[in-house]
């Protein structure tokens, strides 16, 4: 049994570019988030009501969390952290709709980790100048190779942590459904998916909802912490 993303179709240029489930599902998430952003950002008034109240609560929550974790001087990172949070949240919860979560693909998690990695060091250089690189020589120059390896390990650990938890849940759910189908066939209920209709709900609540939300929060919090450390 293969658990990798399937190629759905190919774009007819450059020799054929394969488009996988990951790409298509990511497009779906991008469209949904864009629609929400456009609708949520329209018709703002001085006295908020209705959807504006909801939008302002969400924005304030992200701003406050960013300032509490990173400091008030780093409030500007709230927009990135909010975008990262909702992208990962929707991606992790996509399994509830029967679609493959984009975060169950190493390409997605590593790309996001690399983006955070770039922001970490670019922010450090912007704040401290070239003096930022002196930190790689501390506490003494002989540790330079170890410090470099430590920094390279940051995006690897970020991406593997998220990928491992999401793809692990995907594999377990796939095996569970396969096992329940087998049990149904053994007791003569192959045409009536009674077992697979009810039993997986509890597991979906854990692997898709609880683990999905938790891993989203962990990835965002670690991103904030690493950026703060680089800048302080």
Protein backbone atom coordinates (compact mmCIF):
# COMPACT_ATOMS: atom_id res chain seq x y z
CA UNK A 1 0.00 0.00 0.00
CA UNK A 2 1.36 3.43 -0.97
CA UNK A 3 0.81 6.42 1.28
CA UNK A 4 2.45 9.07 -0.91
CA UNK A 5 0.39 11.74 -2.71
CA UNK A 6 -1.06 10.59 -6.04
CA UNK A 7 -0.39 12.42 -9.30
CA UNK A 8 -3.80 13.66 -10.47
CA UNK A 9 -2.79 15.14 -13.83
CA UNK A 10 0.09 16.76 -15.70
CA UNK A 11 0.42 20.26 -17.10
CA UNK A 12 1.16 19.98 -20.86
CA UNK A 13 4.37 22.00 -20.99
CA UNK A 14 8.03 21.71 -19.99
CA UNK A 15 7.81 17.98 -20.63
CA UNK A 16 4.77 17.57 -18.41
CA UNK A 17 4.64 18.93 -14.84
CA UNK A 18 2.98 16.42 -12.47
CA UNK A 19 0.28 17.91 -10.24
CA UNK A 20 -0.27 15.86 -7.10
CA UNK A 21 -3.00 15.74 -4.48
CA UNK A 22 -0.82 17.99 -2.33
CA UNK A 23 -0.77 20.76 -4.93
CA UNK A 24 -4.50 20.57 -5.72
CA UNK A 25 -5.52 20.47 -2.05
CA UNK A 26 -3.21 23.39 -1.30
CA UNK A 27 -4.86 25.34 -4.11
CA UNK A 28 -8.25 24.59 -2.55
CA UNK A 29 -7.07 25.90 0.83
CA UNK A 30 -5.60 29.03 -0.77
CA UNK A 31 -8.87 29.76 -2.57
CA UNK A 32 -10.93 29.23 0.60
CA UNK A 33 -8.65 31.45 2.71
CA UNK A 34 -8.60 34.14 0.00
CA UNK A 35 -12.41 34.15 -0.19
CA UNK A 36 -12.65 34.37 3.62
CA UNK A 37 -10.13 37.23 3.67
CA UNK A 38 -11.95 39.21 0.95
CA UNK A 39 -15.38 38.71 2.50
CA UNK A 40 -14.14 39.31 6.04
CA UNK A 41 -12.31 42.50 5.08
CA UNK A 42 -15.25 44.21 3.38
CA UNK A 43 -17.57 46.80 4.85
CA UNK A 44 -15.65 47.68 8.00
CA UNK A 45 -17.25 50.39 10.15
CA UNK A 46 -16.24 52.44 13.18
CA UNK A 47 -18.71 50.56 15.37
CA UNK A 48 -18.14 46.86 14.67
CA UNK A 49 -20.98 44.40 14.40
CA UNK A 50 -21.63 40.97 12.94
CA UNK A 51 -18.71 39.50 10.99
CA UNK A 52 -16.51 42.51 11.83
CA UNK A 53 -16.62 41.52 15.50
CA UNK A 54 -15.43 38.01 14.62
CA UNK A 55 -12.63 39.31 12.39
CA UNK A 56 -11.44 41.79 15.01
CA UNK A 57 -11.43 39.13 17.74
CA UNK A 58 -9.29 36.84 15.55
CA UNK A 59 -6.88 39.63 14.59
CA UNK A 60 -6.56 40.85 18.19
CA UNK A 61 -5.93 37.29 19.39
CA UNK A 62 -3.11 36.78 16.87
CA UNK A 63 -1.61 40.21 17.61
CA UNK A 64 -1.71 39.63 21.37
CA UNK A 65 -0.23 36.13 21.11
CA UNK A 66 2.58 37.44 18.90
CA UNK A 67 3.38 40.33 21.25
CA UNK A 68 3.23 38.14 24.36
CA UNK A 69 5.54 35.54 22.83
CA UNK A 70 7.92 37.73 20.83
CA UNK A 71 7.62 41.15 22.45
CA UNK A 72 5.72 44.30 21.51
CA UNK A 73 8.53 45.41 19.19
CA UNK A 74 7.86 42.37 16.99
CA UNK A 75 4.15 42.88 16.43
CA UNK A 76 4.82 43.16 12.68
CA UNK A 77 5.32 39.37 12.58
CA UNK A 78 1.65 38.84 13.51
CA UNK A 79 0.60 38.87 9.85
CA UNK A 80 3.02 36.06 8.98
CA UNK A 81 2.13 34.05 12.08
CA UNK A 82 -1.59 34.43 11.42
CA UNK A 83 -1.21 33.36 7.78
CA UNK A 84 0.94 30.42 8.84
CA UNK A 85 -1.56 29.39 11.50
CA UNK A 86 -4.61 29.34 9.24
CA UNK A 87 -2.78 27.68 6.35
CA UNK A 88 -1.56 24.87 8.60
CA UNK A 89 -4.88 24.60 10.44
CA UNK A 90 -6.88 24.16 7.24
CA UNK A 91 -4.24 21.82 5.81
CA UNK A 92 -4.19 19.61 8.91
CA UNK A 93 -7.99 19.44 9.15
CA UNK A 94 -8.50 18.61 5.48
CA UNK A 95 -8.55 14.90 6.35
CA UNK A 96 -12.00 15.42 7.91
CA UNK A 97 -13.32 16.01 4.38
CA UNK A 98 -11.74 12.83 3.05
CA UNK A 99 -8.94 14.74 1.32
CA UNK A 100 -5.22 14.17 1.83
CA UNK A 101 -3.71 16.85 4.12
CA UNK A 102 -0.98 18.82 2.28
CA UNK A 103 1.09 18.61 5.48
CA UNK A 104 1.27 14.83 5.00
CA UNK A 105 3.71 15.67 2.20
CA UNK A 106 7.30 16.45 3.18
CA UNK A 107 7.52 19.02 0.38
CA UNK A 108 4.92 21.19 2.09
CA UNK A 109 6.29 21.06 5.63
CA UNK A 110 9.89 21.53 4.50
CA UNK A 111 8.95 24.50 2.30
CA UNK A 112 7.24 26.21 5.26
CA UNK A 113 10.18 25.38 7.55
CA UNK A 114 12.62 26.85 5.01
CA UNK A 115 10.51 30.02 4.82
CA UNK A 116 10.64 30.35 8.61
CA UNK A 117 14.38 29.60 8.51
CA UNK A 118 14.94 32.46 6.05
CA UNK A 119 12.89 34.85 8.19
CA UNK A 120 14.83 33.82 11.32
CA UNK A 121 18.23 34.73 9.93
CA UNK A 122 17.17 37.68 7.78
CA UNK A 123 15.47 39.21 10.84
CA UNK A 124 18.58 38.58 12.93
CA UNK A 125 20.81 40.30 10.36
CA UNK A 126 18.35 43.18 9.98
CA UNK A 127 18.28 43.77 13.74
CA UNK A 128 21.99 43.21 14.57
CA UNK A 129 23.75 43.78 11.26
CA UNK A 130 26.79 41.67 10.42
CA UNK A 131 27.40 41.35 14.16
CA UNK A 132 24.65 38.72 14.09
CA UNK A 133 27.11 36.19 12.75
CA UNK A 134 29.36 36.62 15.79
CA UNK A 135 26.84 34.47 17.63
CA UNK A 136 28.04 31.49 15.61
CA UNK A 137 31.45 31.85 17.26
CA UNK A 138 30.13 31.76 20.82
CA UNK A 139 31.03 30.68 23.41
CA UNK A 140 34.30 30.10 21.52
CA UNK A 141 35.25 29.87 17.80
CA UNK A 142 35.92 26.11 17.80
CA UNK A 143 32.16 25.56 18.15
CA UNK A 144 31.44 27.23 14.80
CA UNK A 145 30.75 23.90 12.98
CA UNK A 146 28.45 22.72 15.77
CA UNK A 147 26.56 26.04 15.78
CA UNK A 148 26.08 25.87 12.01
CA UNK A 149 24.80 22.29 12.24
CA UNK A 150 22.45 23.37 15.03
CA UNK A 151 20.98 26.11 12.83
CA UNK A 152 20.60 23.76 9.85
CA UNK A 153 18.77 21.32 12.13
CA UNK A 154 16.07 23.93 12.86
CA UNK A 155 14.09 23.65 9.58
CA UNK A 156 14.67 19.88 9.54
CA UNK A 157 13.20 19.41 13.01
CA UNK A 158 10.30 21.81 12.28
CA UNK A 159 9.36 20.04 9.07
CA UNK A 160 9.80 16.46 10.30
CA UNK A 161 7.82 17.07 13.48
CA UNK A 162 4.80 18.34 11.58
CA UNK A 163 5.11 15.86 8.72
CA UNK A 164 5.62 12.87 11.02
CA UNK A 165 2.57 13.57 13.15
CA UNK A 166 0.22 14.22 10.24
CA UNK A 167 1.36 11.38 7.98
CA UNK A 168 1.43 9.04 10.99
CA UNK A 169 -2.23 9.80 11.68
CA UNK A 170 -3.03 9.36 7.97
CA UNK A 171 -1.39 5.93 7.90
CA UNK A 172 -3.14 4.79 11.09
CA UNK A 173 -6.54 5.92 9.77
CA UNK A 174 -5.93 4.17 6.44
CA UNK A 175 -5.03 0.94 8.24
CA UNK A 176 -8.04 1.32 10.52
CA UNK A 177 -10.44 1.70 7.61
CA UNK A 178 -8.83 -1.25 5.84
CA UNK A 179 -9.17 -3.40 8.95
CA UNK A 180 -12.80 -2.42 9.50
CA UNK A 181 -13.65 -3.22 5.89
CA UNK A 182 -12.08 -6.65 6.40
CA UNK A 183 -14.08 -7.23 9.60
CA UNK A 184 -17.29 -6.18 7.87
CA UNK A 185 -16.63 -8.68 5.08
CA UNK A 186 -15.85 -11.47 7.56
CA UNK A 187 -19.21 -11.09 9.33
CA UNK A 188 -21.15 -10.75 6.07
CA UNK A 189 -21.69 -6.99 6.24
CA UNK A 190 -19.46 -6.01 3.34
CA UNK A 191 -22.31 -4.18 1.60
CA UNK A 192 -23.22 -2.32 4.81
CA UNK A 193 -20.24 -0.34 6.17
CA UNK A 194 -21.52 -0.29 9.74
CA UNK A 195 -18.15 -0.51 11.47
CA UNK A 196 -16.36 2.05 9.31
CA UNK A 197 -19.28 4.47 9.70
CA UNK A 198 -19.02 4.88 13.47
CA UNK A 199 -15.78 3.59 15.00
CA UNK A 200 -13.36 5.92 13.10
CA UNK A 201 -15.08 9.04 14.46
CA UNK A 202 -13.19 8.91 17.77
CA UNK A 203 -9.87 8.40 15.96
CA UNK A 204 -10.62 11.28 13.57
CA UNK A 205 -11.23 13.54 16.57
CA UNK A 206 -7.75 12.73 17.86
CA UNK A 207 -5.61 12.41 14.72
CA UNK A 208 -7.30 15.10 12.62
CA UNK A 209 -8.73 17.58 15.11
CA UNK A 210 -6.65 17.37 18.30
CA UNK A 211 -3.30 16.49 16.70
CA UNK A 212 -3.94 18.82 13.76
CA UNK A 213 -4.66 21.85 15.93
CA UNK A 214 -1.84 20.99 18.35
CA UNK A 215 0.77 20.64 15.60
CA UNK A 216 -0.39 23.90 14.03
CA UNK A 217 0.07 25.70 17.33
CA UNK A 218 3.47 24.09 17.98
CA UNK A 219 4.82 25.02 14.54
CA UNK A 220 3.67 28.63 14.94
CA UNK A 221 5.00 28.96 18.50
CA UNK A 222 8.39 27.49 17.60
CA UNK A 223 8.62 29.88 14.65
CA UNK A 224 7.98 32.82 16.97
CA UNK A 225 10.51 31.60 19.53
CA UNK A 226 13.28 31.00 16.98
CA UNK A 227 12.77 34.41 15.36
CA UNK A 228 12.79 36.13 18.76
CA UNK A 229 16.01 34.39 19.79
CA UNK A 230 17.70 35.46 16.55
CA UNK A 231 16.69 39.08 17.05
CA UNK A 232 17.35 39.46 20.82
